[in-house]
Amino acid sequence: TGGKLTTYRAMAADILRHVMQALGQAH
């Protein structure tokens, strides 16, 4: 939820960190 167009890449990197944790993998 939230976020803005300008920071979409950084936001995506943070979401991916949560995804990797859920997958049990390291980023």
PDB file of all heavy atoms in Angstrom:
ATOM      1  N   THR A   1       0.852  -1.190   0.000  1.00  0.00           N
ATOM      2  CA  THR A   1       0.000   0.000   0.000  1.00  0.00           C
ATOM      3  C   THR A   1       0.882   1.232   0.000  1.00  0.00           C
ATOM      4  O   THR A   1       1.932   1.248   0.632  1.00  0.00           O
ATOM      5  CB  THR A   1      -0.901   0.028   1.249  1.00  0.00           C
ATOM      6  OG1 THR A   1      -1.611  -1.201   1.342  1.00  0.00           O
ATOM      7  CG2 THR A   1      -1.897   1.172   1.179  1.00  0.00           C
ATOM      8  N   GLY A   2       0.435   2.286  -0.696  1.00  0.00           N
ATOM      9  CA  GLY A   2       1.162   3.550  -0.699  1.00  0.00           C
ATOM     10  C   GLY A   2       2.239   3.590  -1.759  1.00  0.00           C
ATOM     11  O   GLY A   2       2.247   2.808  -2.713  1.00  0.00           O
ATOM     12  N   GLY A   3       3.182   4.517  -1.589  1.00  0.00           N
ATOM     13  CA  GLY A   3       4.252   4.684  -2.556  1.00  0.00           C
ATOM     14  C   GLY A   3       3.937   5.772  -3.565  1.00  0.00           C
ATOM     15  O   GLY A   3       2.828   6.310  -3.611  1.00  0.00           O
ATOM     16  N   LYS A   4       4.933   6.111  -4.374  1.00  0.00           N
ATOM     17  CA  LYS A   4       4.775   7.131  -5.393  1.00  0.00           C
ATOM     18  C   LYS A   4       5.589   6.763  -6.618  1.00  0.00           C
ATOM     19  O   LYS A   4       6.525   5.961  -6.556  1.00  0.00           O
ATOM     20  CB  LYS A   4       5.175   8.512  -4.853  1.00  0.00           C
ATOM     21  CG  LYS A   4       6.619   8.650  -4.428  1.00  0.00           C
ATOM     22  CD  LYS A   4       6.863   9.919  -3.598  1.00  0.00           C
ATOM     23  CE  LYS A   4       6.762  11.180  -4.430  1.00  0.00           C
ATOM     24  NZ  LYS A   4       8.021  11.491  -5.131  1.00  0.00           N
ATOM     25  N   LEU A   5       5.238   7.366  -7.738  1.00  0.00           N
ATOM     26  CA  LEU A   5       5.876   7.054  -9.012  1.00  0.00           C
ATOM     27  C   LEU A   5       7.396   7.187  -8.943  1.00  0.00           C
ATOM     28  O   LEU A   5       8.138   6.306  -9.390  1.00  0.00           O
ATOM     29  CB  LEU A   5       5.312   7.980 -10.100  1.00  0.00           C
ATOM     30  CG  LEU A   5       5.850   7.794 -11.515  1.00  0.00           C
ATOM     31  CD1 LEU A   5       5.314   6.516 -12.118  1.00  0.00           C
ATOM     32  CD2 LEU A   5       5.457   8.989 -12.396  1.00  0.00           C
ATOM     33  N   THR A   6       7.884   8.278  -8.364  1.00  0.00           N
ATOM     34  CA  THR A   6       9.315   8.552  -8.347  1.00  0.00           C
ATOM     35  C   THR A   6      10.115   7.444  -7.680  1.00  0.00           C
ATOM     36  O   THR A   6      11.206   7.082  -8.145  1.00  0.00           O
ATOM     37  CB  THR A   6       9.580   9.888  -7.625  1.00  0.00           C
ATOM     38  OG1 THR A   6       8.893  10.927  -8.301  1.00  0.00           O
ATOM     39  CG2 THR A   6      11.068  10.201  -7.580  1.00  0.00           C
ATOM     40  N   THR A   7       9.593   6.882  -6.604  1.00  0.00           N
ATOM     41  CA  THR A   7      10.355   5.913  -5.818  1.00  0.00           C
ATOM     42  C   THR A   7       9.988   4.470  -6.152  1.00  0.00           C
ATOM     43  O   THR A   7      10.280   3.561  -5.371  1.00  0.00           O
ATOM     44  CB  THR A   7      10.130   6.154  -4.310  1.00  0.00           C
ATOM     45  OG1 THR A   7       8.731   6.066  -4.023  1.00  0.00           O
ATOM     46  CG2 THR A   7      10.650   7.524  -3.901  1.00  0.00           C
ATOM     47  N   TYR A   8       9.392   4.260  -7.326  1.00  0.00           N
ATOM     48  CA  TYR A   8       8.878   2.916  -7.614  1.00  0.00           C
ATOM     49  C   TYR A   8       9.986   1.860  -7.633  1.00  0.00           C
ATOM     50  O   TYR A   8       9.777   0.723  -7.207  1.00  0.00           O
ATOM     51  CB  TYR A   8       8.104   2.909  -8.933  1.00  0.00           C
ATOM     52  CG  TYR A   8       8.931   2.711 -10.183  1.00  0.00           C
ATOM     53  CD1 TYR A   8       9.143   1.444 -10.724  1.00  0.00           C
ATOM     54  CD2 TYR A   8       9.509   3.789 -10.850  1.00  0.00           C
ATOM     55  CE1 TYR A   8       9.889   1.262 -11.878  1.00  0.00           C
ATOM     56  CE2 TYR A   8      10.253   3.616 -12.004  1.00  0.00           C
ATOM     57  CZ  TYR A   8      10.447   2.349 -12.513  1.00  0.00           C
ATOM     58  OH  TYR A   8      11.182   2.178 -13.661  1.00  0.00           O
ATOM     59  N   ARG A   9      11.182   2.206  -8.103  1.00  0.00           N
ATOM     60  CA  ARG A   9      12.256   1.226  -8.173  1.00  0.00           C
ATOM     61  C   ARG A   9      12.729   0.838  -6.768  1.00  0.00           C
ATOM     62  O   ARG A   9      12.898  -0.350  -6.465  1.00  0.00           O
ATOM     63  CB  ARG A   9      13.427   1.783  -8.999  1.00  0.00           C
ATOM     64  CG  ARG A   9      14.476   0.730  -9.403  1.00  0.00           C
ATOM     65  CD  ARG A   9      15.859   1.343  -9.484  1.00  0.00           C
ATOM     66  NE  ARG A   9      16.267   1.902  -8.202  1.00  0.00           N
ATOM     67  CZ  ARG A   9      16.800   1.182  -7.208  1.00  0.00           C
ATOM     68  NH1 ARG A   9      16.994  -0.113  -7.358  1.00  0.00           N
ATOM     69  NH2 ARG A   9      17.134   1.761  -6.059  1.00  0.00           N
ATOM     70  N   ALA A  10      12.924   1.833  -5.909  1.00  0.00           N
ATOM     71  CA  ALA A  10      13.339   1.553  -4.533  1.00  0.00           C
ATOM     72  C   ALA A  10      12.249   0.794  -3.777  1.00  0.00           C
ATOM     73  O   ALA A  10      12.546  -0.106  -2.979  1.00  0.00           O
ATOM     74  CB  ALA A  10      13.678   2.860  -3.816  1.00  0.00           C
ATOM     75  N   MET A  11      11.005   1.170  -4.023  1.00  0.00           N
ATOM     76  CA  MET A  11       9.894   0.475  -3.389  1.00  0.00           C
ATOM     77  C   MET A  11       9.868  -0.990  -3.823  1.00  0.00           C
ATOM     78  O   MET A  11       9.682  -1.903  -3.002  1.00  0.00           O
ATOM     79  CB  MET A  11       8.584   1.172  -3.746  1.00  0.00           C
ATOM     80  CG  MET A  11       7.335   0.500  -3.199  1.00  0.00           C
ATOM     81  SD  MET A  11       5.852   1.532  -3.371  1.00  0.00           S
ATOM     82  CE  MET A  11       5.846   1.846  -5.124  1.00  0.00           C
ATOM     83  N   ALA A  12      10.073  -1.227  -5.114  1.00  0.00           N
ATOM     84  CA  ALA A  12      10.074  -2.592  -5.630  1.00  0.00           C
ATOM     85  C   ALA A  12      11.210  -3.408  -5.010  1.00  0.00           C
ATOM     86  O   ALA A  12      11.038  -4.591  -4.699  1.00  0.00           O
ATOM     87  CB  ALA A  12      10.195  -2.570  -7.148  1.00  0.00           C
ATOM     88  N   ALA A  13      12.361  -2.779  -4.815  1.00  0.00           N
ATOM     89  CA  ALA A  13      13.482  -3.487  -4.191  1.00  0.00           C
ATOM     90  C   ALA A  13      13.136  -3.908  -2.767  1.00  0.00           C
ATOM     91  O   ALA A  13      13.510  -5.002  -2.311  1.00  0.00           O
ATOM     92  CB  ALA A  13      14.724  -2.596  -4.211  1.00  0.00           C
ATOM     93  N   ASP A  14      12.405  -3.051  -2.054  1.00  0.00           N
ATOM     94  CA  ASP A  14      12.002  -3.390  -0.690  1.00  0.00           C
ATOM     95  C   ASP A  14      10.963  -4.516  -0.692  1.00  0.00           C
ATOM     96  O   ASP A  14      11.038  -5.435   0.129  1.00  0.00           O
ATOM     97  CB  ASP A  14      11.429  -2.154   0.002  1.00  0.00           C
ATOM     98  CG  ASP A  14      11.026  -2.440   1.439  1.00  0.00           C
ATOM     99  OD1 ASP A  14      11.873  -2.962   2.198  1.00  0.00           O
ATOM    100  OD2 ASP A  14       9.862  -2.165   1.797  1.00  0.00           O
ATOM    101  N   ILE A  15      10.011  -4.462  -1.618  1.00  0.00           N
ATOM    102  CA  ILE A  15       9.019  -5.540  -1.716  1.00  0.00           C
ATOM    103  C   ILE A  15       9.717  -6.858  -2.029  1.00  0.00           C
ATOM    104  O   ILE A  15       9.383  -7.907  -1.467  1.00  0.00           O
ATOM    105  CB  ILE A  15       7.959  -5.221  -2.789  1.00  0.00           C
ATOM    106  CG1 ILE A  15       7.260  -3.905  -2.500  1.00  0.00           C
ATOM    107  CG2 ILE A  15       6.919  -6.349  -2.863  1.00  0.00           C
ATOM    108  CD1 ILE A  15       6.397  -3.396  -3.651  1.00  0.00           C
ATOM    109  N   LEU A  16      10.706  -6.801  -2.944  1.00  0.00           N
ATOM    110  CA  LEU A  16      11.427  -8.024  -3.303  1.00  0.00           C
ATOM    111  C   LEU A  16      12.143  -8.614  -2.090  1.00  0.00           C
ATOM    112  O   LEU A  16      12.234  -9.841  -1.948  1.00  0.00           O
ATOM    113  CB  LEU A  16      12.425  -7.735  -4.424  1.00  0.00           C
ATOM    114  CG  LEU A  16      13.230  -8.946  -4.907  1.00  0.00           C
ATOM    115  CD1 LEU A  16      12.300 -10.013  -5.495  1.00  0.00           C
ATOM    116  CD2 LEU A  16      14.278  -8.535  -5.932  1.00  0.00           C
ATOM    117  N   ARG A  17      12.640  -7.773  -1.212  1.00  0.00           N
ATOM    118  CA  ARG A  17      13.284  -8.275   0.007  1.00  0.00           C
ATOM    119  C   ARG A  17      12.298  -9.124   0.812  1.00  0.00           C
ATOM    120  O   ARG A  17      12.668 -10.201   1.313  1.00  0.00           O
ATOM    121  CB  ARG A  17      13.793  -7.098   0.837  1.00  0.00           C
ATOM    122  CG  ARG A  17      14.497  -7.491   2.126  1.00  0.00           C
ATOM    123  CD  ARG A  17      15.097  -6.269   2.808  1.00  0.00           C
ATOM    124  NE  ARG A  17      14.078  -5.271   3.115  1.00  0.00           N
ATOM    125  CZ  ARG A  17      13.290  -5.313   4.193  1.00  0.00           C
ATOM    126  NH1 ARG A  17      13.403  -6.320   5.049  1.00  0.00           N
ATOM    127  NH2 ARG A  17      12.412  -4.361   4.415  1.00  0.00           N
ATOM    128  N   HIS A  18      11.051  -8.661   0.922  1.00  0.00           N
ATOM    129  CA  HIS A  18      10.021  -9.445   1.620  1.00  0.00           C
ATOM    130  C   HIS A  18       9.708 -10.733   0.858  1.00  0.00           C
ATOM    131  O   HIS A  18       9.486 -11.788   1.472  1.00  0.00           O
ATOM    132  CB  HIS A  18       8.744  -8.615   1.766  1.00  0.00           C
ATOM    133  CG  HIS A  18       8.838  -7.510   2.770  1.00  0.00           C
ATOM    134  ND1 HIS A  18       9.457  -6.311   2.504  1.00  0.00           N
ATOM    135  CD2 HIS A  18       8.388  -7.414   4.051  1.00  0.00           C
ATOM    136  CE1 HIS A  18       9.387  -5.521   3.564  1.00  0.00           C
ATOM    137  NE2 HIS A  18       8.757  -6.167   4.515  1.00  0.00           N
ATOM    138  N   VAL A  19       9.690 -10.657  -0.466  1.00  0.00           N
ATOM    139  CA  VAL A  19       9.431 -11.852  -1.279  1.00  0.00           C
ATOM    140  C   VAL A  19      10.537 -12.879  -1.063  1.00  0.00           C
ATOM    141  O   VAL A  19      10.278 -14.074  -0.870  1.00  0.00           O
ATOM    142  CB  VAL A  19       9.323 -11.478  -2.779  1.00  0.00           C
ATOM    143  CG1 VAL A  19       9.292 -12.740  -3.652  1.00  0.00           C
ATOM    144  CG2 VAL A  19       8.078 -10.634  -3.032  1.00  0.00           C
ATOM    145  N   MET A  20      11.781 -12.420  -1.096  1.00  0.00           N
ATOM    146  CA  MET A  20      12.906 -13.335  -0.901  1.00  0.00           C
ATOM    147  C   MET A  20      12.856 -14.000   0.469  1.00  0.00           C
ATOM    148  O   MET A  20      13.170 -15.193   0.618  1.00  0.00           O
ATOM    149  CB  MET A  20      14.226 -12.584  -1.078  1.00  0.00           C
ATOM    150  CG  MET A  20      14.519 -12.180  -2.518  1.00  0.00           C
ATOM    151  SD  MET A  20      14.668 -13.621  -3.600  1.00  0.00           S
ATOM    152  CE  MET A  20      15.778 -13.001  -4.863  1.00  0.00           C
ATOM    153  N   GLN A  21      12.457 -13.226   1.472  1.00  0.00           N
ATOM    154  CA  GLN A  21      12.313 -13.808   2.809  1.00  0.00           C
ATOM    155  C   GLN A  21      11.251 -14.895   2.808  1.00  0.00           C
ATOM    156  O   GLN A  21      11.430 -15.960   3.410  1.00  0.00           O
ATOM    157  CB  GLN A  21      11.957 -12.715   3.813  1.00  0.00           C
ATOM    158  CG  GLN A  21      13.102 -11.754   4.121  1.00  0.00           C
ATOM    159  CD  GLN A  21      12.679 -10.616   5.042  1.00  0.00           C
ATOM    160  OE1 GLN A  21      11.498 -10.442   5.343  1.00  0.00           O
ATOM    161  NE2 GLN A  21      13.651  -9.833   5.495  1.00  0.00           N
ATOM    162  N   ALA A  22      10.131 -14.629   2.113  1.00  0.00           N
ATOM    163  CA  ALA A  22       9.058 -15.621   2.045  1.00  0.00           C
ATOM    164  C   ALA A  22       9.501 -16.877   1.290  1.00  0.00           C
ATOM    165  O   ALA A  22       9.056 -17.988   1.597  1.00  0.00           O
ATOM    166  CB  ALA A  22       7.833 -15.009   1.372  1.00  0.00           C
ATOM    167  N   LEU A  23      10.416 -16.693   0.318  1.00  0.00           N
ATOM    168  CA  LEU A  23      10.919 -17.831  -0.458  1.00  0.00           C
ATOM    169  C   LEU A  23      12.079 -18.528   0.229  1.00  0.00           C
ATOM    170  O   LEU A  23      12.532 -19.592  -0.220  1.00  0.00           O
ATOM    171  CB  LEU A  23      11.375 -17.353  -1.840  1.00  0.00           C
ATOM    172  CG  LEU A  23      10.277 -16.885  -2.806  1.00  0.00           C
ATOM    173  CD1 LEU A  23      10.906 -16.260  -4.052  1.00  0.00           C
ATOM    174  CD2 LEU A  23       9.366 -18.042  -3.196  1.00  0.00           C
ATOM    175  N   GLY A  24      12.617 -17.901   1.295  1.00  0.00           N
ATOM    176  CA  GLY A  24      13.771 -18.467   1.963  1.00  0.00           C
ATOM    177  C   GLY A  24      15.048 -18.301   1.172  1.00  0.00           C
ATOM    178  O   GLY A  24      15.976 -19.118   1.283  1.00  0.00           O
ATOM    179  N   GLN A  25      15.112 -17.237   0.383  1.00  0.00           N
ATOM    180  CA  GLN A  25      16.288 -16.977  -0.445  1.00  0.00           C
ATOM    181  C   GLN A  25      16.916 -15.647  -0.052  1.00  0.00           C
ATOM    182  O   GLN A  25      16.266 -14.784   0.536  1.00  0.00           O
ATOM    183  CB  GLN A  25      15.909 -16.941  -1.935  1.00  0.00           C
ATOM    184  CG  GLN A  25      15.341 -18.244  -2.463  1.00  0.00           C
ATOM    185  CD  GLN A  25      15.037 -18.175  -3.950  1.00  0.00           C
ATOM    186  OE1 GLN A  25      15.586 -17.358  -4.676  1.00  0.00           O
ATOM    187  NE2 GLN A  25      14.132 -19.044  -4.400  1.00  0.00           N
ATOM    188  N   ALA A  26      18.184 -15.488  -0.418  1.00  0.00           N
ATOM    189  CA  ALA A  26      18.900 -14.252  -0.143  1.00  0.00           C
ATOM    190  C   ALA A  26      18.891 -13.368  -1.383  1.00  0.00           C
ATOM    191  O   ALA A  26      18.969 -13.863  -2.507  1.00  0.00           O
ATOM    192  CB  ALA A  26      20.336 -14.547   0.269  1.00  0.00           C
ATOM    193  N   HIS A  27      18.770 -12.071  -1.158  1.00  0.00           N
ATOM    194  CA  HIS A  27      18.867 -11.097  -2.243  1.00  0.00           C
ATOM    195  C   HIS A  27      20.284 -10.544  -2.220  1.00  0.00           C
ATOM    196  O   HIS A  27      20.635  -9.739  -1.352  1.00  0.00           O
ATOM    197  CB  HIS A  27      17.844  -9.975  -2.046  1.00  0.00           C
ATOM    198  CG  HIS A  27      17.718  -9.083  -3.228  1.00  0.00           C
ATOM    199  ND1 HIS A  27      17.101  -7.849  -3.169  1.00  0.00           N
ATOM    200  CD2 HIS A  27      18.108  -9.230  -4.523  1.00  0.00           C
ATOM    201  CE1 HIS A  27      17.124  -7.285  -4.370  1.00  0.00           C
ATOM    202  NE2 HIS A  27      17.730  -8.103  -5.194  1.00  0.00           N
TER     203      HIS A  27
END
